[in-house]
């Protein structure tokens, strides 16, 4: 872990903890139990530490909140335009842009929830730098994955990430618009019915309801009209064979939109709510549905990411760091 902030301002510590908790970034505060000395020797500084793999996201979060001046000096090379980050406890290394959309928990949860088996062909729609699709390839041996990303620059970075993780034989990246014509997909070897699995993390913030980031990369990754979800589902339905499976992650308060978009093409939706902490409302839903199925909806017990102290739960740790699967099965 690396020091993010050092301060003797207890109010500032609380504010930073609230920001990190809201962003689901695990952290540790040291020296907070030494306040018995306050008043006689002065307030001892508190140190907020964040694990290396969350450092970039945490630093960006505080900078965006106007607290950049409180940050401790960053690691060498922080001034570069790209970063080299470890996810899945170091099992996967990712190059990504320093600014713009950054890989977070959503991509890893999506990969963990995708029920691919060895020999399956999976397509990751809206892959960005490839985090979800690559995490799936790391977890499931012999699965082949195609990363589909509209931004050629991100698709190129995804290609670099494929190579640096030694997955060239099973993973490829292509620059395509999810809403583009079927012929464009077919030209890249993604013809109708060619996939066993589709996984996707579409932009899910409605520009009419949420503030839009001034950063164009972040805005395109996070924000899109709800109506565009139908285009993503249609693309998934075209790519999947007759009993193929779609797995996606979405805002919890938008579940009704997901179910409406799946109607007519997919059935048997299995929904797993994701909660920041026990007792809190869900912040995400993972949804798996099968093409052509007539099975009813199933709602699973929720996944809790953090315990009351803000530390990752054992289940979350096994998924986010150890690469465990997150089965969306009806038992």
C-alpha atoms as a PDB file:
ATOM      1  CA  UNK A   1       0.000   0.000   0.000  1.00  0.00           C
ATOM      2  CA  UNK A   2       1.084   3.587  -0.600  1.00  0.00           C
ATOM      3  CA  UNK A   3       0.360   6.766   1.301  1.00  0.00           C
ATOM      4  CA  UNK A   4      -2.284   8.908  -0.352  1.00  0.00           C
ATOM      5  CA  UNK A   5      -2.734  11.742   2.170  1.00  0.00           C
ATOM      6  CA  UNK A   6      -1.104  12.764   5.443  1.00  0.00           C
ATOM      7  CA  UNK A   7      -2.954  15.297   7.581  1.00  0.00           C
ATOM      8  CA  UNK A   8      -3.796  16.204  11.170  1.00  0.00           C
ATOM      9  CA  UNK A   9      -7.182  17.603  10.114  1.00  0.00           C
ATOM     10  CA  UNK A  10      -9.737  15.098  11.411  1.00  0.00           C
ATOM     11  CA  UNK A  11     -12.533  16.680   9.386  1.00  0.00           C
ATOM     12  CA  UNK A  12     -10.490  16.318   6.199  1.00  0.00           C
ATOM     13  CA  UNK A  13      -9.785  12.667   7.024  1.00  0.00           C
ATOM     14  CA  UNK A  14     -13.519  12.015   7.399  1.00  0.00           C
ATOM     15  CA  UNK A  15     -14.292  13.789   4.132  1.00  0.00           C
ATOM     16  CA  UNK A  16     -11.661  11.797   2.227  1.00  0.00           C
ATOM     17  CA  UNK A  17     -12.880   8.537   3.756  1.00  0.00           C
ATOM     18  CA  UNK A  18     -16.415   9.368   2.639  1.00  0.00           C
ATOM     19  CA  UNK A  19     -15.195  10.022  -0.920  1.00  0.00           C
ATOM     20  CA  UNK A  20     -13.233   6.772  -1.019  1.00  0.00           C
ATOM     21  CA  UNK A  21     -16.118   4.792   0.469  1.00  0.00           C
ATOM     22  CA  UNK A  22     -18.561   6.220  -2.083  1.00  0.00           C
ATOM     23  CA  UNK A  23     -16.178   5.225  -4.889  1.00  0.00           C
ATOM     24  CA  UNK A  24     -15.707   1.753  -3.350  1.00  0.00           C
ATOM     25  CA  UNK A  25     -11.945   2.255  -3.021  1.00  0.00           C
ATOM     26  CA  UNK A  26     -10.539   0.215  -0.098  1.00  0.00           C
ATOM     27  CA  UNK A  27      -8.286   2.212   2.203  1.00  0.00           C
ATOM     28  CA  UNK A  28      -6.674   2.219   5.626  1.00  0.00           C
ATOM     29  CA  UNK A  29      -6.248   5.115   8.056  1.00  0.00           C
ATOM     30  CA  UNK A  30      -3.262   4.803  10.379  1.00  0.00           C
ATOM     31  CA  UNK A  31      -2.593   6.636  13.661  1.00  0.00           C
ATOM     32  CA  UNK A  32      -6.264   7.392  14.151  1.00  0.00           C
ATOM     33  CA  UNK A  33      -6.250   5.715  17.561  1.00  0.00           C
ATOM     34  CA  UNK A  34      -3.425   7.866  18.957  1.00  0.00           C
ATOM     35  CA  UNK A  35      -5.554  10.935  19.704  1.00  0.00           C
ATOM     36  CA  UNK A  36      -5.044  10.485  23.500  1.00  0.00           C
ATOM     37  CA  UNK A  37      -1.907  12.542  23.001  1.00  0.00           C
ATOM     38  CA  UNK A  38      -3.758  15.411  21.424  1.00  0.00           C
ATOM     39  CA  UNK A  39      -3.822  18.612  23.456  1.00  0.00           C
ATOM     40  CA  UNK A  40      -0.441  18.095  25.034  1.00  0.00           C
ATOM     41  CA  UNK A  41       1.772  17.214  22.102  1.00  0.00           C
ATOM     42  CA  UNK A  42      -0.413  18.438  19.271  1.00  0.00           C
ATOM     43  CA  UNK A  43      -2.468  16.404  16.869  1.00  0.00           C
ATOM     44  CA  UNK A  44      -0.560  13.520  15.353  1.00  0.00           C
ATOM     45  CA  UNK A  45      -0.937  13.187  11.593  1.00  0.00           C
ATOM     46  CA  UNK A  46      -3.259  10.591  10.168  1.00  0.00           C
ATOM     47  CA  UNK A  47      -2.092   8.719   7.103  1.00  0.00           C
ATOM     48  CA  UNK A  48      -4.565   7.429   4.538  1.00  0.00           C
ATOM     49  CA  UNK A  49      -3.177   4.477   2.593  1.00  0.00           C
ATOM     50  CA  UNK A  50      -4.528   2.916  -0.585  1.00  0.00           C
ATOM     51  CA  UNK A  51      -3.363  -0.269  -2.305  1.00  0.00           C
ATOM     52  CA  UNK A  52      -1.239   0.260  -5.423  1.00  0.00           C
ATOM     53  CA  UNK A  53      -3.904  -1.041  -7.799  1.00  0.00           C
ATOM     54  CA  UNK A  54      -6.383   1.621  -6.573  1.00  0.00           C
ATOM     55  CA  UNK A  55      -3.845   4.454  -6.307  1.00  0.00           C
ATOM     56  CA  UNK A  56      -4.583   6.091  -9.659  1.00  0.00           C
ATOM     57  CA  UNK A  57      -8.349   6.066  -9.172  1.00  0.00           C
ATOM     58  CA  UNK A  58      -8.009   7.418  -5.628  1.00  0.00           C
ATOM     59  CA  UNK A  59      -5.684  10.228  -6.662  1.00  0.00           C
ATOM     60  CA  UNK A  60      -7.966  11.216  -9.525  1.00  0.00           C
ATOM     61  CA  UNK A  61     -11.002  11.156  -7.210  1.00  0.00           C
ATOM     62  CA  UNK A  62      -9.395  13.550  -4.753  1.00  0.00           C
ATOM     63  CA  UNK A  63      -8.077  15.808  -7.508  1.00  0.00           C
ATOM     64  CA  UNK A  64     -11.555  16.020  -9.037  1.00  0.00           C
ATOM     65  CA  UNK A  65     -12.915  16.938  -5.585  1.00  0.00           C
ATOM     66  CA  UNK A  66     -10.493  19.869  -5.318  1.00  0.00           C
ATOM     67  CA  UNK A  67      -8.181  18.095  -2.871  1.00  0.00           C
ATOM     68  CA  UNK A  68      -5.246  17.557  -5.195  1.00  0.00           C
ATOM     69  CA  UNK A  69      -3.080  19.814  -3.029  1.00  0.00           C
ATOM     70  CA  UNK A  70      -3.460  17.326  -0.146  1.00  0.00           C
ATOM     71  CA  UNK A  71      -2.035  14.382  -2.103  1.00  0.00           C
ATOM     72  CA  UNK A  72       1.368  12.987  -1.233  1.00  0.00           C
ATOM     73  CA  UNK A  73       3.937  12.928  -4.047  1.00  0.00           C
ATOM     74  CA  UNK A  74       3.004  10.354  -6.683  1.00  0.00           C
ATOM     75  CA  UNK A  75       5.154   7.534  -8.027  1.00  0.00           C
ATOM     76  CA  UNK A  76       7.827   8.129 -10.655  1.00  0.00           C
ATOM     77  CA  UNK A  77       6.379   8.616 -14.119  1.00  0.00           C
ATOM     78  CA  UNK A  78       3.126  10.163 -12.900  1.00  0.00           C
ATOM     79  CA  UNK A  79       3.467  12.901 -15.480  1.00  0.00           C
ATOM     80  CA  UNK A  80       3.184  10.450 -18.362  1.00  0.00           C
ATOM     81  CA  UNK A  81      -0.027  10.151 -20.365  1.00  0.00           C
ATOM     82  CA  UNK A  82      -0.467   6.430 -19.649  1.00  0.00           C
ATOM     83  CA  UNK A  83      -0.193   4.263 -16.574  1.00  0.00           C
ATOM     84  CA  UNK A  84       0.742   0.638 -16.019  1.00  0.00           C
ATOM     85  CA  UNK A  85      -1.620  -0.905 -13.487  1.00  0.00           C
ATOM     86  CA  UNK A  86      -2.096  -4.282 -11.837  1.00  0.00           C
ATOM     87  CA  UNK A  87      -5.543  -5.800 -11.326  1.00  0.00           C
ATOM     88  CA  UNK A  88      -6.707  -9.182 -10.080  1.00  0.00           C
ATOM     89  CA  UNK A  89      -3.979  -9.116  -7.466  1.00  0.00           C
ATOM     90  CA  UNK A  90      -1.320  -8.710 -10.152  1.00  0.00           C
ATOM     91  CA  UNK A  91      -2.590 -11.520 -12.387  1.00  0.00           C
ATOM     92  CA  UNK A  92      -3.416  -8.964 -15.088  1.00  0.00           C
ATOM     93  CA  UNK A  93      -1.389  -5.899 -16.104  1.00  0.00           C
ATOM     94  CA  UNK A  94      -3.145  -3.086 -17.927  1.00  0.00           C
ATOM     95  CA  UNK A  95      -1.861  -0.045 -19.729  1.00  0.00           C
ATOM     96  CA  UNK A  96      -4.491   2.687 -19.694  1.00  0.00           C
ATOM     97  CA  UNK A  97      -4.780   6.411 -20.199  1.00  0.00           C
ATOM     98  CA  UNK A  98      -4.052   8.497 -17.133  1.00  0.00           C
ATOM     99  CA  UNK A  99      -7.023  10.731 -17.908  1.00  0.00           C
ATOM    100  CA  UNK A 100     -10.458   9.673 -19.053  1.00  0.00           C
ATOM    101  CA  UNK A 101     -12.261   6.470 -18.148  1.00  0.00           C
ATOM    102  CA  UNK A 102     -10.287   4.259 -15.772  1.00  0.00           C
ATOM    103  CA  UNK A 103     -10.723   0.569 -15.093  1.00  0.00           C
ATOM    104  CA  UNK A 104     -12.690  -0.106 -11.907  1.00  0.00           C
ATOM    105  CA  UNK A 105     -14.611  -2.813 -10.081  1.00  0.00           C
ATOM    106  CA  UNK A 106     -17.355  -2.987 -12.727  1.00  0.00           C
ATOM    107  CA  UNK A 107     -15.134  -4.598 -15.354  1.00  0.00           C
ATOM    108  CA  UNK A 108     -13.825  -7.251 -12.963  1.00  0.00           C
ATOM    109  CA  UNK A 109     -17.293  -8.053 -11.612  1.00  0.00           C
ATOM    110  CA  UNK A 110     -18.581  -8.381 -15.170  1.00  0.00           C
ATOM    111  CA  UNK A 111     -15.819 -10.826 -16.089  1.00  0.00           C
ATOM    112  CA  UNK A 112     -16.391 -12.842 -12.926  1.00  0.00           C
ATOM    113  CA  UNK A 113     -20.127 -13.114 -13.662  1.00  0.00           C
ATOM    114  CA  UNK A 114     -19.672 -14.287 -17.259  1.00  0.00           C
ATOM    115  CA  UNK A 115     -20.300 -18.022 -17.307  1.00  0.00           C
ATOM    116  CA  UNK A 116     -17.869 -18.956 -20.067  1.00  0.00           C
ATOM    117  CA  UNK A 117     -16.404 -22.449 -20.264  1.00  0.00           C
ATOM    118  CA  UNK A 118     -13.193 -23.686 -21.900  1.00  0.00           C
ATOM    119  CA  UNK A 119     -13.678 -23.697 -25.662  1.00  0.00           C
ATOM    120  CA  UNK A 120     -16.303 -20.925 -25.659  1.00  0.00           C
ATOM    121  CA  UNK A 121     -16.030 -17.883 -27.880  1.00  0.00           C
ATOM    122  CA  UNK A 122     -16.794 -14.636 -26.037  1.00  0.00           C
ATOM    123  CA  UNK A 123     -17.223 -11.084 -27.323  1.00  0.00           C
ATOM    124  CA  UNK A 124     -16.641  -8.109 -25.028  1.00  0.00           C
ATOM    125  CA  UNK A 125     -18.666  -5.149 -26.339  1.00  0.00           C
ATOM    126  CA  UNK A 126     -17.390  -1.704 -25.391  1.00  0.00           C
ATOM    127  CA  UNK A 127     -14.167  -3.253 -24.151  1.00  0.00           C
ATOM    128  CA  UNK A 128     -12.131  -0.087 -23.592  1.00  0.00           C
ATOM    129  CA  UNK A 129      -8.557  -1.169 -22.863  1.00  0.00           C
ATOM    130  CA  UNK A 130      -9.761  -4.763 -22.508  1.00  0.00           C
ATOM    131  CA  UNK A 131     -10.100  -5.184 -18.741  1.00  0.00           C
ATOM    132  CA  UNK A 132     -13.248  -7.347 -18.630  1.00  0.00           C
ATOM    133  CA  UNK A 133     -12.456  -9.538 -21.621  1.00  0.00           C
ATOM    134  CA  UNK A 134      -8.862 -10.054 -20.528  1.00  0.00           C
ATOM    135  CA  UNK A 135      -9.919 -10.842 -16.963  1.00  0.00           C
ATOM    136  CA  UNK A 136     -12.258 -13.482 -18.383  1.00  0.00           C
ATOM    137  CA  UNK A 137      -9.450 -14.958 -20.495  1.00  0.00           C
ATOM    138  CA  UNK A 138      -7.176 -15.075 -17.445  1.00  0.00           C
ATOM    139  CA  UNK A 139      -9.823 -16.868 -15.385  1.00  0.00           C
ATOM    140  CA  UNK A 140     -11.093 -19.364 -17.975  1.00  0.00           C
ATOM    141  CA  UNK A 141      -8.538 -21.390 -19.878  1.00  0.00           C
ATOM    142  CA  UNK A 142      -9.058 -22.019 -23.584  1.00  0.00           C
ATOM    143  CA  UNK A 143     -11.801 -19.411 -23.951  1.00  0.00           C
ATOM    144  CA  UNK A 144     -11.293 -17.130 -26.967  1.00  0.00           C
ATOM    145  CA  UNK A 145     -12.257 -13.475 -26.626  1.00  0.00           C
ATOM    146  CA  UNK A 146     -12.755 -10.645 -29.100  1.00  0.00           C
ATOM    147  CA  UNK A 147     -12.568  -7.149 -27.633  1.00  0.00           C
ATOM    148  CA  UNK A 148     -14.833  -4.695 -29.485  1.00  0.00           C
ATOM    149  CA  UNK A 149     -14.148  -0.991 -28.888  1.00  0.00           C
ATOM    150  CA  UNK A 150     -15.367   2.041 -30.851  1.00  0.00           C
ATOM    151  CA  UNK A 151     -12.321   4.222 -30.057  1.00  0.00           C
ATOM    152  CA  UNK A 152      -9.377   3.143 -32.255  1.00  0.00           C
ATOM    153  CA  UNK A 153      -6.884   4.534 -29.729  1.00  0.00           C
ATOM    154  CA  UNK A 154      -8.358   2.434 -26.925  1.00  0.00           C
ATOM    155  CA  UNK A 155      -8.577  -0.604 -29.216  1.00  0.00           C
ATOM    156  CA  UNK A 156      -4.874  -0.172 -29.912  1.00  0.00           C
ATOM    157  CA  UNK A 157      -4.100  -0.058 -26.190  1.00  0.00           C
ATOM    158  CA  UNK A 158      -6.254  -3.167 -25.743  1.00  0.00           C
ATOM    159  CA  UNK A 159      -4.063  -4.861 -28.337  1.00  0.00           C
ATOM    160  CA  UNK A 160      -0.979  -3.922 -26.314  1.00  0.00           C
ATOM    161  CA  UNK A 161      -2.572  -5.330 -23.175  1.00  0.00           C
ATOM    162  CA  UNK A 162      -3.319  -8.591 -24.975  1.00  0.00           C
ATOM    163  CA  UNK A 163       0.325  -8.960 -25.949  1.00  0.00           C
ATOM    164  CA  UNK A 164       1.842  -7.976 -22.616  1.00  0.00           C
ATOM    165  CA  UNK A 165      -0.295 -10.553 -20.815  1.00  0.00           C
ATOM    166  CA  UNK A 166       0.683 -13.306 -23.251  1.00  0.00           C
ATOM    167  CA  UNK A 167      -2.862 -13.832 -24.532  1.00  0.00           C
ATOM    168  CA  UNK A 168      -2.287 -13.266 -28.256  1.00  0.00           C
ATOM    169  CA  UNK A 169      -3.319 -16.819 -29.121  1.00  0.00           C
ATOM    170  CA  UNK A 170      -6.800 -16.475 -27.607  1.00  0.00           C
ATOM    171  CA  UNK A 171      -7.677 -12.759 -27.518  1.00  0.00           C
ATOM    172  CA  UNK A 172      -7.933 -10.114 -30.252  1.00  0.00           C
ATOM    173  CA  UNK A 173      -9.106  -6.495 -30.396  1.00  0.00           C
ATOM    174  CA  UNK A 174     -11.064  -4.723 -33.139  1.00  0.00           C
ATOM    175  CA  UNK A 175     -12.260  -1.133 -33.542  1.00  0.00           C
ATOM    176  CA  UNK A 176     -16.014  -1.302 -34.227  1.00  0.00           C
ATOM    177  CA  UNK A 177     -19.115   0.661 -33.300  1.00  0.00           C
ATOM    178  CA  UNK A 178     -21.509  -1.571 -31.354  1.00  0.00           C
ATOM    179  CA  UNK A 179     -24.378   0.073 -33.236  1.00  0.00           C
ATOM    180  CA  UNK A 180     -22.603  -0.381 -36.590  1.00  0.00           C
ATOM    181  CA  UNK A 181     -23.794  -2.614 -39.447  1.00  0.00           C
ATOM    182  CA  UNK A 182     -23.622  -6.389 -39.265  1.00  0.00           C
ATOM    183  CA  UNK A 183     -21.381  -6.437 -42.345  1.00  0.00           C
ATOM    184  CA  UNK A 184     -18.676  -4.518 -40.478  1.00  0.00           C
ATOM    185  CA  UNK A 185     -18.733  -7.123 -37.703  1.00  0.00           C
ATOM    186  CA  UNK A 186     -18.741 -10.022 -40.166  1.00  0.00           C
ATOM    187  CA  UNK A 187     -15.681  -8.552 -41.899  1.00  0.00           C
ATOM    188  CA  UNK A 188     -13.861  -8.893 -38.573  1.00  0.00           C
ATOM    189  CA  UNK A 189     -14.936 -12.511 -38.131  1.00  0.00           C
ATOM    190  CA  UNK A 190     -17.918 -11.684 -35.933  1.00  0.00           C
ATOM    191  CA  UNK A 191     -20.756 -13.012 -38.012  1.00  0.00           C
ATOM    192  CA  UNK A 192     -24.293 -13.731 -36.786  1.00  0.00           C
ATOM    193  CA  UNK A 193     -24.466 -16.596 -34.317  1.00  0.00           C
ATOM    194  CA  UNK A 194     -20.693 -16.811 -33.949  1.00  0.00           C
ATOM    195  CA  UNK A 195     -20.465 -16.280 -30.171  1.00  0.00           C
ATOM    196  CA  UNK A 196     -21.298 -18.398 -27.136  1.00  0.00           C
ATOM    197  CA  UNK A 197     -20.999 -15.491 -24.707  1.00  0.00           C
ATOM    198  CA  UNK A 198     -21.349 -11.723 -24.921  1.00  0.00           C
ATOM    199  CA  UNK A 199     -20.345  -9.532 -22.003  1.00  0.00           C
ATOM    200  CA  UNK A 200     -20.848  -5.784 -21.917  1.00  0.00           C
ATOM    201  CA  UNK A 201     -20.629  -2.724 -19.706  1.00  0.00           C
ATOM    202  CA  UNK A 202     -22.525  -0.107 -21.735  1.00  0.00           C
ATOM    203  CA  UNK A 203     -22.462   3.596 -20.834  1.00  0.00           C
ATOM    204  CA  UNK A 204     -25.284   3.725 -18.310  1.00  0.00           C
ATOM    205  CA  UNK A 205     -25.586   7.288 -17.023  1.00  0.00           C
ATOM    206  CA  UNK A 206     -28.420   9.250 -18.629  1.00  0.00           C
ATOM    207  CA  UNK A 207     -27.222  12.731 -19.688  1.00  0.00           C
ATOM    208  CA  UNK A 208     -30.675  14.069 -18.806  1.00  0.00           C
ATOM    209  CA  UNK A 209     -30.264  12.942 -15.185  1.00  0.00           C
ATOM    210  CA  UNK A 210     -26.523  12.944 -14.406  1.00  0.00           C
ATOM    211  CA  UNK A 211     -23.827  15.561 -14.750  1.00  0.00           C
ATOM    212  CA  UNK A 212     -21.618  14.861 -17.756  1.00  0.00           C
ATOM    213  CA  UNK A 213     -17.852  14.867 -17.289  1.00  0.00           C
ATOM    214  CA  UNK A 214     -16.037  17.503 -19.343  1.00  0.00           C
ATOM    215  CA  UNK A 215     -13.492  14.817 -20.259  1.00  0.00           C
ATOM    216  CA  UNK A 216     -14.712  13.331 -23.582  1.00  0.00           C
ATOM    217  CA  UNK A 217     -13.256   9.882 -22.878  1.00  0.00           C
ATOM    218  CA  UNK A 218     -14.968   9.634 -19.506  1.00  0.00           C
ATOM    219  CA  UNK A 219     -18.221  10.991 -20.906  1.00  0.00           C
ATOM    220  CA  UNK A 220     -18.337   8.483 -23.770  1.00  0.00           C
ATOM    221  CA  UNK A 221     -17.600   5.593 -21.415  1.00  0.00           C
ATOM    222  CA  UNK A 222     -20.144   6.568 -18.773  1.00  0.00           C
ATOM    223  CA  UNK A 223     -22.969   8.507 -20.413  1.00  0.00           C
ATOM    224  CA  UNK A 224     -25.474   7.573 -23.111  1.00  0.00           C
ATOM    225  CA  UNK A 225     -29.225   7.877 -23.615  1.00  0.00           C
ATOM    226  CA  UNK A 226     -31.169   4.933 -22.206  1.00  0.00           C
ATOM    227  CA  UNK A 227     -32.477   4.232 -25.717  1.00  0.00           C
ATOM    228  CA  UNK A 228     -28.968   3.272 -26.866  1.00  0.00           C
ATOM    229  CA  UNK A 229     -29.116   0.174 -24.652  1.00  0.00           C
ATOM    230  CA  UNK A 230     -31.459  -1.386 -27.228  1.00  0.00           C
ATOM    231  CA  UNK A 231     -28.680  -1.114 -29.843  1.00  0.00           C
ATOM    232  CA  UNK A 232     -26.244  -2.934 -27.560  1.00  0.00           C
ATOM    233  CA  UNK A 233     -28.733  -5.719 -26.801  1.00  0.00           C
ATOM    234  CA  UNK A 234     -29.561  -6.061 -30.504  1.00  0.00           C
ATOM    235  CA  UNK A 235     -25.854  -6.401 -31.341  1.00  0.00           C
ATOM    236  CA  UNK A 236     -25.462  -9.061 -28.635  1.00  0.00           C
ATOM    237  CA  UNK A 237     -28.496 -10.980 -29.923  1.00  0.00           C
ATOM    238  CA  UNK A 238     -27.100 -10.975 -33.449  1.00  0.00           C
ATOM    239  CA  UNK A 239     -23.675 -12.219 -32.356  1.00  0.00           C
ATOM    240  CA  UNK A 240     -24.945 -15.010 -30.099  1.00  0.00           C
ATOM    241  CA  UNK A 241     -26.024 -18.431 -31.337  1.00  0.00           C
ATOM    242  CA  UNK A 242     -29.513 -19.728 -30.560  1.00  0.00           C
ATOM    243  CA  UNK A 243     -28.808 -20.514 -26.903  1.00  0.00           C
ATOM    244  CA  UNK A 244     -26.020 -18.019 -26.265  1.00  0.00           C
ATOM    245  CA  UNK A 245     -25.721 -16.006 -23.064  1.00  0.00           C
ATOM    246  CA  UNK A 246     -25.511 -12.263 -22.475  1.00  0.00           C
ATOM    247  CA  UNK A 247     -23.985 -10.907 -19.258  1.00  0.00           C
ATOM    248  CA  UNK A 248     -24.010  -7.203 -18.444  1.00  0.00           C
ATOM    249  CA  UNK A 249     -23.576  -4.718 -15.607  1.00  0.00           C
ATOM    250  CA  UNK A 250     -25.783  -1.659 -15.139  1.00  0.00           C
ATOM    251  CA  UNK A 251     -26.918   0.907 -12.598  1.00  0.00           C
ATOM    252  CA  UNK A 252     -29.205  -0.703 -10.040  1.00  0.00           C
ATOM    253  CA  UNK A 253     -31.826   2.024 -10.420  1.00  0.00           C
ATOM    254  CA  UNK A 254     -31.972   1.294 -14.157  1.00  0.00           C
ATOM    255  CA  UNK A 255     -32.871  -2.385 -13.879  1.00  0.00           C
ATOM    256  CA  UNK A 256     -36.307  -1.774 -15.427  1.00  0.00           C
ATOM    257  CA  UNK A 257     -34.623  -0.412 -18.568  1.00  0.00           C
ATOM    258  CA  UNK A 258     -32.424  -3.513 -18.791  1.00  0.00           C
ATOM    259  CA  UNK A 259     -35.352  -5.904 -18.501  1.00  0.00           C
ATOM    260  CA  UNK A 260     -37.325  -3.939 -21.105  1.00  0.00           C
ATOM    261  CA  UNK A 261     -34.376  -4.024 -23.530  1.00  0.00           C
ATOM    262  CA  UNK A 262     -33.944  -7.790 -23.068  1.00  0.00           C
ATOM    263  CA  UNK A 263     -37.614  -8.516 -23.729  1.00  0.00           C
ATOM    264  CA  UNK A 264     -38.392 -10.281 -27.040  1.00  0.00           C
ATOM    265  CA  UNK A 265     -34.781 -11.423 -27.611  1.00  0.00           C
ATOM    266  CA  UNK A 266     -33.676 -12.867 -24.263  1.00  0.00           C
ATOM    267  CA  UNK A 267     -35.317 -14.720 -21.408  1.00  0.00           C
ATOM    268  CA  UNK A 268     -34.509 -16.273 -18.054  1.00  0.00           C
ATOM    269  CA  UNK A 269     -32.832 -13.138 -16.694  1.00  0.00           C
ATOM    270  CA  UNK A 270     -30.844 -13.764 -13.528  1.00  0.00           C
ATOM    271  CA  UNK A 271     -30.213 -10.593 -11.515  1.00  0.00           C
ATOM    272  CA  UNK A 272     -27.520 -10.165  -8.869  1.00  0.00           C
ATOM    273  CA  UNK A 273     -27.665  -6.856  -6.941  1.00  0.00           C
ATOM    274  CA  UNK A 274     -24.317  -5.382  -5.875  1.00  0.00           C
ATOM    275  CA  UNK A 275     -24.238  -3.372  -2.628  1.00  0.00           C
ATOM    276  CA  UNK A 276     -21.472  -1.108  -1.383  1.00  0.00           C
ATOM    277  CA  UNK A 277     -22.264  -2.176   2.198  1.00  0.00           C
ATOM    278  CA  UNK A 278     -24.834  -4.371   3.923  1.00  0.00           C
ATOM    279  CA  UNK A 279     -28.050  -2.462   4.483  1.00  0.00           C
ATOM    280  CA  UNK A 280     -27.345   0.048   1.707  1.00  0.00           C
ATOM    281  CA  UNK A 281     -29.347   0.172  -1.503  1.00  0.00           C
ATOM    282  CA  UNK A 282     -27.771  -1.707  -4.424  1.00  0.00           C
ATOM    283  CA  UNK A 283     -25.487   0.379  -6.633  1.00  0.00           C
ATOM    284  CA  UNK A 284     -25.150  -2.045  -9.532  1.00  0.00           C
ATOM    285  CA  UNK A 285     -26.904  -5.067 -10.966  1.00  0.00           C
ATOM    286  CA  UNK A 286     -25.265  -7.916 -12.817  1.00  0.00           C
ATOM    287  CA  UNK A 287     -27.705  -9.472 -15.264  1.00  0.00           C
ATOM    288  CA  UNK A 288     -27.349 -12.707 -17.214  1.00  0.00           C
ATOM    289  CA  UNK A 289     -29.944 -13.746 -19.805  1.00  0.00           C
ATOM    290  CA  UNK A 290     -30.195 -16.487 -22.422  1.00  0.00           C
ATOM    291  CA  UNK A 291     -31.158 -15.931 -26.025  1.00  0.00           C
ATOM    292  CA  UNK A 292     -34.563 -17.412 -26.790  1.00  0.00           C
ATOM    293  CA  UNK A 293     -35.198 -18.628 -23.244  1.00  0.00           C
ATOM    294  CA  UNK A 294     -38.707 -18.583 -21.766  1.00  0.00           C
ATOM    295  CA  UNK A 295     -37.599 -19.012 -18.157  1.00  0.00           C
ATOM    296  CA  UNK A 296     -38.850 -16.474 -15.590  1.00  0.00           C
ATOM    297  CA  UNK A 297     -36.748 -13.828 -13.881  1.00  0.00           C
ATOM    298  CA  UNK A 298     -34.649 -14.908 -10.884  1.00  0.00           C
ATOM    299  CA  UNK A 299     -33.359 -12.487  -8.248  1.00  0.00           C
ATOM    300  CA  UNK A 300     -30.289 -13.691  -6.350  1.00  0.00           C
ATOM    301  CA  UNK A 301     -29.054 -12.654  -2.891  1.00  0.00           C
ATOM    302  CA  UNK A 302     -26.896  -9.549  -3.199  1.00  0.00           C
ATOM    303  CA  UNK A 303     -23.113  -9.278  -3.273  1.00  0.00           C
ATOM    304  CA  UNK A 304     -21.719  -7.045  -0.499  1.00  0.00           C
ATOM    305  CA  UNK A 305     -18.477  -5.312  -1.455  1.00  0.00           C
ATOM    306  CA  UNK A 306     -17.421  -3.748   1.854  1.00  0.00           C
ATOM    307  CA  UNK A 307     -17.885  -4.511   5.545  1.00  0.00           C
ATOM    308  CA  UNK A 308     -19.053  -1.830   8.020  1.00  0.00           C
ATOM    309  CA  UNK A 309     -15.470  -0.570   8.450  1.00  0.00           C
ATOM    310  CA  UNK A 310     -15.091  -0.041   4.713  1.00  0.00           C
ATOM    311  CA  UNK A 311     -12.797  -3.001   4.124  1.00  0.00           C
ATOM    312  CA  UNK A 312     -13.561  -5.441   1.278  1.00  0.00           C
ATOM    313  CA  UNK A 313     -15.590  -8.468   2.302  1.00  0.00           C
ATOM    314  CA  UNK A 314     -14.014 -11.886   1.896  1.00  0.00           C
ATOM    315  CA  UNK A 315     -16.285 -12.628  -1.075  1.00  0.00           C
ATOM    316  CA  UNK A 316     -15.437  -9.340  -2.804  1.00  0.00           C
ATOM    317  CA  UNK A 317     -11.735  -9.881  -2.154  1.00  0.00           C
ATOM    318  CA  UNK A 318     -11.878 -13.355  -3.705  1.00  0.00           C
ATOM    319  CA  UNK A 319     -13.452 -11.924  -6.858  1.00  0.00           C
ATOM    320  CA  UNK A 320     -11.616  -8.622  -7.250  1.00  0.00           C
ATOM    321  CA  UNK A 321      -8.134  -9.764  -6.195  1.00  0.00           C
ATOM    322  CA  UNK A 322      -8.069 -13.566  -6.435  1.00  0.00           C
ATOM    323  CA  UNK A 323      -9.980 -13.866  -9.722  1.00  0.00           C
ATOM    324  CA  UNK A 324     -12.776 -16.097  -8.408  1.00  0.00           C
ATOM    325  CA  UNK A 325     -15.902 -16.646 -10.485  1.00  0.00           C
ATOM    326  CA  UNK A 326     -19.215 -15.062  -9.516  1.00  0.00           C
ATOM    327  CA  UNK A 327     -21.805 -17.644 -10.529  1.00  0.00           C
ATOM    328  CA  UNK A 328     -25.184 -16.288 -11.587  1.00  0.00           C
ATOM    329  CA  UNK A 329     -26.923 -19.605 -11.164  1.00  0.00           C
ATOM    330  CA  UNK A 330     -30.424 -20.326  -9.970  1.00  0.00           C
ATOM    331  CA  UNK A 331     -30.142 -22.887  -7.193  1.00  0.00           C
END
